[in-house]
Amino acid sequence: MEYLILLISIFLICVIVKWRDKLRLFESVKEGVLVFSSLFVIGSALDSFAILRGYWSYEEHFFLGIRIGVMPLEEYLFMLVIPFLTLTIYRMAKKKTLR
């Protein structure tokens, strides 16, 4: 549960920063969907492979217990939230340096 709370907190902070600083992350919605869906598919495939090969596993008491395939739901959210965080920080830093 705490992993989910952490991801939601990061997401909300990014949304607030994006709104407050009027950040434009992508040129179009289509570009955003393409980037995030690509990262989601690649990340999910790599994580699933790593889990199936035994490279890592998840402590069940940190998660809700909902699994999709071999990964917990929170890990799929991670594939969306962390790239959003990274891009938000990048755009914010870029905007601040251009002033």
PDB file of N, CA and C in Angstrom:
ATOM      1  N   MET A   1       0.823  -1.202   0.000  1.00  0.00           N
ATOM      2  CA  MET A   1       0.000   0.000   0.000  1.00  0.00           C
ATOM      3  C   MET A   1       0.865   1.262   0.000  1.00  0.00           C
ATOM      4  N   GLU A   2       2.007   1.212   0.714  1.00  0.00           N
ATOM      5  CA  GLU A   2       2.821   2.421   0.796  1.00  0.00           C
ATOM      6  C   GLU A   2       3.449   2.764  -0.553  1.00  0.00           C
ATOM      7  N   TYR A   3       3.732   1.769  -1.381  1.00  0.00           N
ATOM      8  CA  TYR A   3       4.274   2.022  -2.715  1.00  0.00           C
ATOM      9  C   TYR A   3       3.248   2.782  -3.562  1.00  0.00           C
ATOM     10  N   LEU A   4       1.994   2.382  -3.474  1.00  0.00           N
ATOM     11  CA  LEU A   4       0.927   3.058  -4.201  1.00  0.00           C
ATOM     12  C   LEU A   4       0.773   4.506  -3.719  1.00  0.00           C
ATOM     13  N   ILE A   5       0.838   4.717  -2.410  1.00  0.00           N
ATOM     14  CA  ILE A   5       0.733   6.073  -1.861  1.00  0.00           C
ATOM     15  C   ILE A   5       1.895   6.936  -2.356  1.00  0.00           C
ATOM     16  N   LEU A   6       3.084   6.365  -2.407  1.00  0.00           N
ATOM     17  CA  LEU A   6       4.250   7.085  -2.908  1.00  0.00           C
ATOM     18  C   LEU A   6       4.074   7.471  -4.375  1.00  0.00           C
ATOM     19  N   LEU A   7       3.602   6.538  -5.192  1.00  0.00           N
ATOM     20  CA  LEU A   7       3.388   6.826  -6.614  1.00  0.00           C
ATOM     21  C   LEU A   7       2.324   7.900  -6.822  1.00  0.00           C
ATOM     22  N   ILE A   8       1.236   7.819  -6.072  1.00  0.00           N
ATOM     23  CA  ILE A   8       0.175   8.825  -6.181  1.00  0.00           C
ATOM     24  C   ILE A   8       0.695  10.185  -5.750  1.00  0.00           C
ATOM     25  N   SER A   9       1.489  10.226  -4.701  1.00  0.00           N
ATOM     26  CA  SER A   9       2.068  11.494  -4.227  1.00  0.00           C
ATOM     27  C   SER A   9       2.973  12.114  -5.280  1.00  0.00           C
ATOM     28  N   ILE A  10       3.841  11.303  -5.865  1.00  0.00           N
ATOM     29  CA  ILE A  10       4.729  11.800  -6.919  1.00  0.00           C
ATOM     30  C   ILE A  10       3.917  12.330  -8.084  1.00  0.00           C
ATOM     31  N   PHE A  11       2.895  11.583  -8.492  1.00  0.00           N
ATOM     32  CA  PHE A  11       2.055  12.012  -9.610  1.00  0.00           C
ATOM     33  C   PHE A  11       1.372  13.346  -9.319  1.00  0.00           C
ATOM     34  N   LEU A  12       0.803  13.484  -8.127  1.00  0.00           N
ATOM     35  CA  LEU A  12       0.104  14.730  -7.779  1.00  0.00           C
ATOM     36  C   LEU A  12       1.060  15.916  -7.716  1.00  0.00           C
ATOM     37  N   ILE A  13       2.244  15.715  -7.183  1.00  0.00           N
ATOM     38  CA  ILE A  13       3.246  16.787  -7.152  1.00  0.00           C
ATOM     39  C   ILE A  13       3.607  17.214  -8.570  1.00  0.00           C
ATOM     40  N   CYS A  14       3.793  16.250  -9.456  1.00  0.00           N
ATOM     41  CA  CYS A  14       4.111  16.577 -10.856  1.00  0.00           C
ATOM     42  C   CYS A  14       2.981  17.347 -11.527  1.00  0.00           C
ATOM     43  N   VAL A  15       1.759  16.936 -11.289  1.00  0.00           N
ATOM     44  CA  VAL A  15       0.610  17.632 -11.875  1.00  0.00           C
ATOM     45  C   VAL A  15       0.558  19.077 -11.374  1.00  0.00           C
ATOM     46  N   ILE A  16       0.779  19.271 -10.078  1.00  0.00           N
ATOM     47  CA  ILE A  16       0.762  20.622  -9.510  1.00  0.00           C
ATOM     48  C   ILE A  16       1.881  21.474 -10.110  1.00  0.00           C
ATOM     49  N   VAL A  17       3.081  20.934 -10.203  1.00  0.00           N
ATOM     50  CA  VAL A  17       4.214  21.673 -10.784  1.00  0.00           C
ATOM     51  C   VAL A  17       3.941  21.987 -12.247  1.00  0.00           C
ATOM     52  N   LYS A  18       3.431  21.014 -12.978  1.00  0.00           N
ATOM     53  CA  LYS A  18       3.113  21.220 -14.400  1.00  0.00           C
ATOM     54  C   LYS A  18       2.092  22.337 -14.563  1.00  0.00           C
ATOM     55  N   TRP A  19       1.080  22.336 -13.733  1.00  0.00           N
ATOM     56  CA  TRP A  19       0.028  23.349 -13.806  1.00  0.00           C
ATOM     57  C   TRP A  19       0.555  24.718 -13.369  1.00  0.00           C
ATOM     58  N   ARG A  20       1.284  24.748 -12.236  1.00  0.00           N
ATOM     59  CA  ARG A  20       1.798  26.006 -11.689  1.00  0.00           C
ATOM     60  C   ARG A  20       2.774  26.689 -12.643  1.00  0.00           C
ATOM     61  N   ASP A  21       3.672  25.915 -13.238  1.00  0.00           N
ATOM     62  CA  ASP A  21       4.690  26.481 -14.130  1.00  0.00           C
ATOM     63  C   ASP A  21       4.252  26.502 -15.591  1.00  0.00           C
ATOM     64  N   LYS A  22       3.025  26.067 -15.847  1.00  0.00           N
ATOM     65  CA  LYS A  22       2.476  26.028 -17.205  1.00  0.00           C
ATOM     66  C   LYS A  22       3.422  25.301 -18.167  1.00  0.00           C
ATOM     67  N   LEU A  23       3.847  24.122 -17.743  1.00  0.00           N
ATOM     68  CA  LEU A  23       4.779  23.337 -18.538  1.00  0.00           C
ATOM     69  C   LEU A  23       4.049  22.602 -19.650  1.00  0.00           C
ATOM     70  N   ARG A  24       4.651  22.606 -20.796  1.00  0.00           N
ATOM     71  CA  ARG A  24       4.129  21.840 -21.916  1.00  0.00           C
ATOM     72  C   ARG A  24       5.101  20.692 -22.164  1.00  0.00           C
ATOM     73  N   LEU A  25       4.677  19.478 -21.845  1.00  0.00           N
ATOM     74  CA  LEU A  25       5.579  18.344 -21.918  1.00  0.00           C
ATOM     75  C   LEU A  25       5.772  17.835 -23.336  1.00  0.00           C
ATOM     76  N   PHE A  26       4.738  17.923 -24.152  1.00  0.00           N
ATOM     77  CA  PHE A  26       4.801  17.426 -25.517  1.00  0.00           C
ATOM     78  C   PHE A  26       4.187  18.445 -26.473  1.00  0.00           C
ATOM     79  N   GLU A  27       4.525  18.300 -27.743  1.00  0.00           N
ATOM     80  CA  GLU A  27       3.959  19.184 -28.768  1.00  0.00           C
ATOM     81  C   GLU A  27       2.482  18.879 -29.016  1.00  0.00           C
ATOM     82  N   SER A  28       2.106  17.627 -28.829  1.00  0.00           N
ATOM     83  CA  SER A  28       0.707  17.240 -29.057  1.00  0.00           C
ATOM     84  C   SER A  28       0.334  16.081 -28.134  1.00  0.00           C
ATOM     85  N   VAL A  29      -0.935  15.848 -28.008  1.00  0.00           N
ATOM     86  CA  VAL A  29      -1.431  14.721 -27.215  1.00  0.00           C
ATOM     87  C   VAL A  29      -0.981  13.415 -27.858  1.00  0.00           C
ATOM     88  N   LYS A  30      -1.009  13.367 -29.166  1.00  0.00           N
ATOM     89  CA  LYS A  30      -0.597  12.163 -29.890  1.00  0.00           C
ATOM     90  C   LYS A  30       0.850  11.803 -29.560  1.00  0.00           C
ATOM     91  N   GLU A  31       1.712  12.797 -29.517  1.00  0.00           N
ATOM     92  CA  GLU A  31       3.114  12.561 -29.178  1.00  0.00           C
ATOM     93  C   GLU A  31       3.239  12.027 -27.750  1.00  0.00           C
ATOM     94  N   GLY A  32       2.505  12.596 -26.814  1.00  0.00           N
ATOM     95  CA  GLY A  32       2.528  12.137 -25.432  1.00  0.00           C
ATOM     96  C   GLY A  32       2.063  10.706 -25.292  1.00  0.00           C
ATOM     97  N   VAL A  33       0.980  10.376 -25.955  1.00  0.00           N
ATOM     98  CA  VAL A  33       0.452   9.006 -25.907  1.00  0.00           C
ATOM     99  C   VAL A  33       1.465   8.030 -26.495  1.00  0.00           C
ATOM    100  N   LEU A  34       2.089   8.405 -27.601  1.00  0.00           N
ATOM    101  CA  LEU A  34       3.076   7.538 -28.244  1.00  0.00           C
ATOM    102  C   LEU A  34       4.283   7.293 -27.332  1.00  0.00           C
ATOM    103  N   VAL A  35       4.802   8.361 -26.719  1.00  0.00           N
ATOM    104  CA  VAL A  35       5.964   8.233 -25.841  1.00  0.00           C
ATOM    105  C   VAL A  35       5.628   7.387 -24.620  1.00  0.00           C
ATOM    106  N   PHE A  36       4.546   7.720 -23.929  1.00  0.00           N
ATOM    107  CA  PHE A  36       4.203   6.997 -22.706  1.00  0.00           C
ATOM    108  C   PHE A  36       3.807   5.546 -22.986  1.00  0.00           C
ATOM    109  N   SER A  37       3.098   5.296 -24.074  1.00  0.00           N
ATOM    110  CA  SER A  37       2.733   3.910 -24.371  1.00  0.00           C
ATOM    111  C   SER A  37       3.967   3.087 -24.753  1.00  0.00           C
ATOM    112  N   SER A  38       4.913   3.693 -25.465  1.00  0.00           N
ATOM    113  CA  SER A  38       6.152   2.988 -25.804  1.00  0.00           C
ATOM    114  C   SER A  38       6.942   2.636 -24.554  1.00  0.00           C
ATOM    115  N   LEU A  39       7.103   3.619 -23.658  1.00  0.00           N
ATOM    116  CA  LEU A  39       7.824   3.365 -22.409  1.00  0.00           C
ATOM    117  C   LEU A  39       7.122   2.318 -21.562  1.00  0.00           C
ATOM    118  N   PHE A  40       5.803   2.364 -21.551  1.00  0.00           N
ATOM    119  CA  PHE A  40       5.007   1.410 -20.778  1.00  0.00           C
ATOM    120  C   PHE A  40       5.210  -0.016 -21.295  1.00  0.00           C
ATOM    121  N   VAL A  41       5.133  -0.191 -22.593  1.00  0.00           N
ATOM    122  CA  VAL A  41       5.269  -1.529 -23.186  1.00  0.00           C
ATOM    123  C   VAL A  41       6.688  -2.069 -22.977  1.00  0.00           C
ATOM    124  N   ILE A  42       7.685  -1.240 -23.257  1.00  0.00           N
ATOM    125  CA  ILE A  42       9.074  -1.678 -23.108  1.00  0.00           C
ATOM    126  C   ILE A  42       9.390  -1.982 -21.644  1.00  0.00           C
ATOM    127  N   GLY A  43       9.019  -1.084 -20.748  1.00  0.00           N
ATOM    128  CA  GLY A  43       9.276  -1.294 -19.324  1.00  0.00           C
ATOM    129  C   GLY A  43       8.576  -2.515 -18.773  1.00  0.00           C
ATOM    130  N   SER A  44       7.330  -2.706 -19.160  1.00  0.00           N
ATOM    131  CA  SER A  44       6.572  -3.872 -18.685  1.00  0.00           C
ATOM    132  C   SER A  44       7.192  -5.167 -19.184  1.00  0.00           C
ATOM    133  N   ALA A  45       7.613  -5.168 -20.436  1.00  0.00           N
ATOM    134  CA  ALA A  45       8.238  -6.369 -20.996  1.00  0.00           C
ATOM    135  C   ALA A  45       9.554  -6.687 -20.287  1.00  0.00           C
ATOM    136  N   LEU A  46      10.374  -5.663 -20.056  1.00  0.00           N
ATOM    137  CA  LEU A  46      11.655  -5.886 -19.384  1.00  0.00           C
ATOM    138  C   LEU A  46      11.468  -6.336 -17.939  1.00  0.00           C
ATOM    139  N   ASP A  47      10.543  -5.719 -17.232  1.00  0.00           N
ATOM    140  CA  ASP A  47      10.292  -6.114 -15.844  1.00  0.00           C
ATOM    141  C   ASP A  47       9.728  -7.535 -15.771  1.00  0.00           C
ATOM    142  N   SER A  48       8.803  -7.861 -16.644  1.00  0.00           N
ATOM    143  CA  SER A  48       8.233  -9.207 -16.662  1.00  0.00           C
ATOM    144  C   SER A  48       9.317 -10.248 -16.933  1.00  0.00           C
ATOM    145  N   PHE A  49      10.188  -9.951 -17.888  1.00  0.00           N
ATOM    146  CA  PHE A  49      11.295 -10.845 -18.201  1.00  0.00           C
ATOM    147  C   PHE A  49      12.192 -11.043 -16.976  1.00  0.00           C
ATOM    148  N   ALA A  50      12.530  -9.937 -16.315  1.00  0.00           N
ATOM    149  CA  ALA A  50      13.402 -10.009 -15.140  1.00  0.00           C
ATOM    150  C   ALA A  50      12.761 -10.817 -14.014  1.00  0.00           C
ATOM    151  N   ILE A  51      11.472 -10.662 -13.825  1.00  0.00           N
ATOM    152  CA  ILE A  51      10.772 -11.423 -12.776  1.00  0.00           C
ATOM    153  C   ILE A  51      10.744 -12.907 -13.131  1.00  0.00           C
ATOM    154  N   LEU A  52      10.411 -13.209 -14.374  1.00  0.00           N
ATOM    155  CA  LEU A  52      10.341 -14.609 -14.802  1.00  0.00           C
ATOM    156  C   LEU A  52      11.701 -15.294 -14.730  1.00  0.00           C
ATOM    157  N   ARG A  53      12.766 -14.549 -14.959  1.00  0.00           N
ATOM    158  CA  ARG A  53      14.123 -15.107 -14.885  1.00  0.00           C
ATOM    159  C   ARG A  53      14.636 -15.172 -13.447  1.00  0.00           C
ATOM    160  N   GLY A  54      13.910 -14.572 -12.513  1.00  0.00           N
ATOM    161  CA  GLY A  54      14.309 -14.619 -11.119  1.00  0.00           C
ATOM    162  C   GLY A  54      15.306 -13.547 -10.712  1.00  0.00           C
ATOM    163  N   TYR A  55      15.455 -12.510 -11.549  1.00  0.00           N
ATOM    164  CA  TYR A  55      16.396 -11.429 -11.216  1.00  0.00           C
ATOM    165  C   TYR A  55      15.907 -10.604 -10.041  1.00  0.00           C
ATOM    166  N   TRP A  56      14.589 -10.464  -9.906  1.00  0.00           N
ATOM    167  CA  TRP A  56      14.031  -9.810  -8.726  1.00  0.00           C
ATOM    168  C   TRP A  56      12.593 -10.235  -8.512  1.00  0.00           C
ATOM    169  N   SER A  57      12.120  -9.918  -7.317  1.00  0.00           N
ATOM    170  CA  SER A  57      10.740 -10.229  -6.960  1.00  0.00           C
ATOM    171  C   SER A  57      10.216  -9.083  -6.100  1.00  0.00           C
ATOM    172  N   TYR A  58       8.982  -9.193  -5.681  1.00  0.00           N
ATOM    173  CA  TYR A  58       8.341  -8.124  -4.925  1.00  0.00           C
ATOM    174  C   TYR A  58       7.886  -8.638  -3.562  1.00  0.00           C
ATOM    175  N   GLU A  59       8.111  -7.840  -2.545  1.00  0.00           N
ATOM    176  CA  GLU A  59       7.620  -8.134  -1.197  1.00  0.00           C
ATOM    177  C   GLU A  59       6.118  -7.841  -1.173  1.00  0.00           C
ATOM    178  N   GLU A  60       5.319  -8.851  -1.008  1.00  0.00           N
ATOM    179  CA  GLU A  60       3.864  -8.716  -1.115  1.00  0.00           C
ATOM    180  C   GLU A  60       3.251  -7.724  -0.122  1.00  0.00           C
ATOM    181  N   HIS A  61       3.846  -7.560   1.037  1.00  0.00           N
ATOM    182  CA  HIS A  61       3.222  -6.694   2.041  1.00  0.00           C
ATOM    183  C   HIS A  61       3.321  -5.205   1.698  1.00  0.00           C
ATOM    184  N   PHE A  62       4.077  -4.841   0.668  1.00  0.00           N
ATOM    185  CA  PHE A  62       4.155  -3.449   0.239  1.00  0.00           C
ATOM    186  C   PHE A  62       3.101  -3.101  -0.817  1.00  0.00           C
ATOM    187  N   PHE A  63       2.403  -4.075  -1.324  1.00  0.00           N
ATOM    188  CA  PHE A  63       1.500  -3.890  -2.454  1.00  0.00           C
ATOM    189  C   PHE A  63       0.057  -4.237  -2.085  1.00  0.00           C
ATOM    190  N   LEU A  64      -0.853  -3.838  -2.956  1.00  0.00           N
ATOM    191  CA  LEU A  64      -2.272  -4.132  -2.736  1.00  0.00           C
ATOM    192  C   LEU A  64      -2.591  -5.611  -2.883  1.00  0.00           C
ATOM    193  N   GLY A  65      -1.804  -6.305  -3.651  1.00  0.00           N
ATOM    194  CA  GLY A  65      -2.059  -7.725  -3.886  1.00  0.00           C
ATOM    195  C   GLY A  65      -2.713  -7.989  -5.225  1.00  0.00           C
ATOM    196  N   ILE A  66      -2.926  -6.939  -6.000  1.00  0.00           N
ATOM    197  CA  ILE A  66      -3.510  -7.097  -7.335  1.00  0.00           C
ATOM    198  C   ILE A  66      -2.371  -7.302  -8.320  1.00  0.00           C
ATOM    199  N   ARG A  67      -2.398  -8.429  -8.984  1.00  0.00           N
ATOM    200  CA  ARG A  67      -1.367  -8.735  -9.984  1.00  0.00           C
ATOM    201  C   ARG A  67      -1.988  -8.781 -11.370  1.00  0.00           C
ATOM    202  N   ILE A  68      -1.262  -8.265 -12.311  1.00  0.00           N
ATOM    203  CA  ILE A  68      -1.619  -8.377 -13.720  1.00  0.00           C
ATOM    204  C   ILE A  68      -0.441  -9.090 -14.364  1.00  0.00           C
ATOM    205  N   GLY A  69      -0.662 -10.306 -14.790  1.00  0.00           N
ATOM    206  CA  GLY A  69       0.461 -11.115 -15.256  1.00  0.00           C
ATOM    207  C   GLY A  69       1.343 -11.454 -14.073  1.00  0.00           C
ATOM    208  N   VAL A  70       2.630 -11.179 -14.193  1.00  0.00           N
ATOM    209  CA  VAL A  70       3.567 -11.504 -13.117  1.00  0.00           C
ATOM    210  C   VAL A  70       3.893 -10.315 -12.227  1.00  0.00           C
ATOM    211  N   MET A  71       3.373  -9.130 -12.582  1.00  0.00           N
ATOM    212  CA  MET A  71       3.721  -7.922 -11.832  1.00  0.00           C
ATOM    213  C   MET A  71       2.537  -7.376 -11.050  1.00  0.00           C
ATOM    214  N   PRO A  72       2.834  -6.733  -9.916  1.00  0.00           N
ATOM    215  CA  PRO A  72       1.772  -6.056  -9.166  1.00  0.00           C
ATOM    216  C   PRO A  72       1.292  -4.809  -9.913  1.00  0.00           C
ATOM    217  N   LEU A  73       0.072  -4.430  -9.664  1.00  0.00           N
ATOM    218  CA  LEU A  73      -0.528  -3.255 -10.293  1.00  0.00           C
ATOM    219  C   LEU A  73       0.358  -2.018 -10.143  1.00  0.00           C
ATOM    220  N   GLU A  74       0.932  -1.839  -8.963  1.00  0.00           N
ATOM    221  CA  GLU A  74       1.752  -0.653  -8.699  1.00  0.00           C
ATOM    222  C   GLU A  74       2.945  -0.547  -9.640  1.00  0.00           C
ATOM    223  N   GLU A  75       3.475  -1.678 -10.077  1.00  0.00           N
ATOM    224  CA  GLU A  75       4.630  -1.635 -10.973  1.00  0.00           C
ATOM    225  C   GLU A  75       4.243  -1.094 -12.349  1.00  0.00           C
ATOM    226  N   TYR A  76       3.032  -1.378 -12.776  1.00  0.00           N
ATOM    227  CA  TYR A  76       2.549  -0.806 -14.036  1.00  0.00           C
ATOM    228  C   TYR A  76       2.380   0.713 -13.894  1.00  0.00           C
ATOM    229  N   LEU A  77       1.886   1.142 -12.744  1.00  0.00           N
ATOM    230  CA  LEU A  77       1.760   2.581 -12.499  1.00  0.00           C
ATOM    231  C   LEU A  77       3.133   3.246 -12.485  1.00  0.00           C
ATOM    232  N   PHE A  78       4.127   2.554 -11.936  1.00  0.00           N
ATOM    233  CA  PHE A  78       5.500   3.050 -11.928  1.00  0.00           C
ATOM    234  C   PHE A  78       5.963   3.365 -13.346  1.00  0.00           C
ATOM    235  N   MET A  79       5.584   2.515 -14.304  1.00  0.00           N
ATOM    236  CA  MET A  79       5.988   2.699 -15.705  1.00  0.00           C
ATOM    237  C   MET A  79       5.433   3.994 -16.310  1.00  0.00           C
ATOM    238  N   LEU A  80       4.400   4.534 -15.714  1.00  0.00           N
ATOM    239  CA  LEU A  80       3.811   5.781 -16.199  1.00  0.00           C
ATOM    240  C   LEU A  80       4.237   6.984 -15.352  1.00  0.00           C
ATOM    241  N   VAL A  81       4.287   6.806 -14.046  1.00  0.00           N
ATOM    242  CA  VAL A  81       4.545   7.929 -13.137  1.00  0.00           C
ATOM    243  C   VAL A  81       5.991   8.396 -13.205  1.00  0.00           C
ATOM    244  N   ILE A  82       6.945   7.495 -13.211  1.00  0.00           N
ATOM    245  CA  ILE A  82       8.351   7.894 -13.173  1.00  0.00           C
ATOM    246  C   ILE A  82       8.793   8.598 -14.462  1.00  0.00           C
ATOM    247  N   PRO A  83       8.402   8.146 -15.647  1.00  0.00           N
ATOM    248  CA  PRO A  83       8.719   8.950 -16.833  1.00  0.00           C
ATOM    249  C   PRO A  83       8.054  10.337 -16.794  1.00  0.00           C
ATOM    250  N   PHE A  84       6.834  10.413 -16.248  1.00  0.00           N
ATOM    251  CA  PHE A  84       6.149  11.701 -16.091  1.00  0.00           C
ATOM    252  C   PHE A  84       6.944  12.601 -15.157  1.00  0.00           C
ATOM    253  N   LEU A  85       7.439  12.046 -14.053  1.00  0.00           N
ATOM    254  CA  LEU A  85       8.273  12.796 -13.115  1.00  0.00           C
ATOM    255  C   LEU A  85       9.550  13.285 -13.803  1.00  0.00           C
ATOM    256  N   THR A  86      10.221  12.406 -14.502  1.00  0.00           N
ATOM    257  CA  THR A  86      11.478  12.753 -15.167  1.00  0.00           C
ATOM    258  C   THR A  86      11.269  13.854 -16.198  1.00  0.00           C
ATOM    259  N   LEU A  87      10.252  13.727 -17.011  1.00  0.00           N
ATOM    260  CA  LEU A  87       9.987  14.731 -18.032  1.00  0.00           C
ATOM    261  C   LEU A  87       9.566  16.061 -17.420  1.00  0.00           C
ATOM    262  N   THR A  88       8.793  16.022 -16.348  1.00  0.00           N
ATOM    263  CA  THR A  88       8.382  17.244 -15.663  1.00  0.00           C
ATOM    264  C   THR A  88       9.599  17.979 -15.100  1.00  0.00           C
ATOM    265  N   ILE A  89      10.505  17.246 -14.464  1.00  0.00           N
ATOM    266  CA  ILE A  89      11.722  17.858 -13.928  1.00  0.00           C
ATOM    267  C   ILE A  89      12.565  18.445 -15.054  1.00  0.00           C
ATOM    268  N   TYR A  90      12.701  17.710 -16.142  1.00  0.00           N
ATOM    269  CA  TYR A  90      13.490  18.183 -17.283  1.00  0.00           C
ATOM    270  C   TYR A  90      12.909  19.472 -17.858  1.00  0.00           C
ATOM    271  N   ARG A  91      11.600  19.471 -18.106  1.00  0.00           N
ATOM    272  CA  ARG A  91      10.958  20.668 -18.683  1.00  0.00           C
ATOM    273  C   ARG A  91      11.014  21.854 -17.719  1.00  0.00           C
ATOM    274  N   MET A  92      10.882  21.589 -16.428  1.00  0.00           N
ATOM    275  CA  MET A  92      10.950  22.647 -15.442  1.00  0.00           C
ATOM    276  C   MET A  92      12.360  23.249 -15.416  1.00  0.00           C
ATOM    277  N   ALA A  93      13.371  22.404 -15.424  1.00  0.00           N
ATOM    278  CA  ALA A  93      14.763  22.884 -15.418  1.00  0.00           C
ATOM    279  C   ALA A  93      15.070  23.647 -16.699  1.00  0.00           C
ATOM    280  N   LYS A  94      14.600  23.155 -17.821  1.00  0.00           N
ATOM    281  CA  LYS A  94      14.832  23.805 -19.098  1.00  0.00           C
ATOM    282  C   LYS A  94      14.168  25.193 -19.126  1.00  0.00           C
ATOM    283  N   LYS A  95      12.951  25.263 -18.615  1.00  0.00           N
ATOM    284  CA  LYS A  95      12.234  26.535 -18.591  1.00  0.00           C
ATOM    285  C   LYS A  95      12.935  27.530 -17.677  1.00  0.00           C
ATOM    286  N   LYS A  96      13.444  27.072 -16.535  1.00  0.00           N
ATOM    287  CA  LYS A  96      14.125  27.956 -15.577  1.00  0.00           C
ATOM    288  C   LYS A  96      15.435  28.478 -16.150  1.00  0.00           C
ATOM    289  N   THR A  97      16.142  27.665 -16.919  1.00  0.00           N
ATOM    290  CA  THR A  97      17.429  28.098 -17.481  1.00  0.00           C
ATOM    291  C   THR A  97      17.244  29.027 -18.666  1.00  0.00           C
ATOM    292  N   LEU A  98      16.096  28.998 -19.308  1.00  0.00           N
ATOM    293  CA  LEU A  98      15.848  29.862 -20.459  1.00  0.00           C
ATOM    294  C   LEU A  98      15.427  31.267 -20.052  1.00  0.00           C
ATOM    295  N   ARG A  99      15.132  31.461 -18.791  1.00  0.00           N
ATOM    296  CA  ARG A  99      14.704  32.784 -18.333  1.00  0.00           C
ATOM    297  C   ARG A  99      15.827  33.751 -18.298  1.00  0.00           C
TER     298      ARG A  99
END
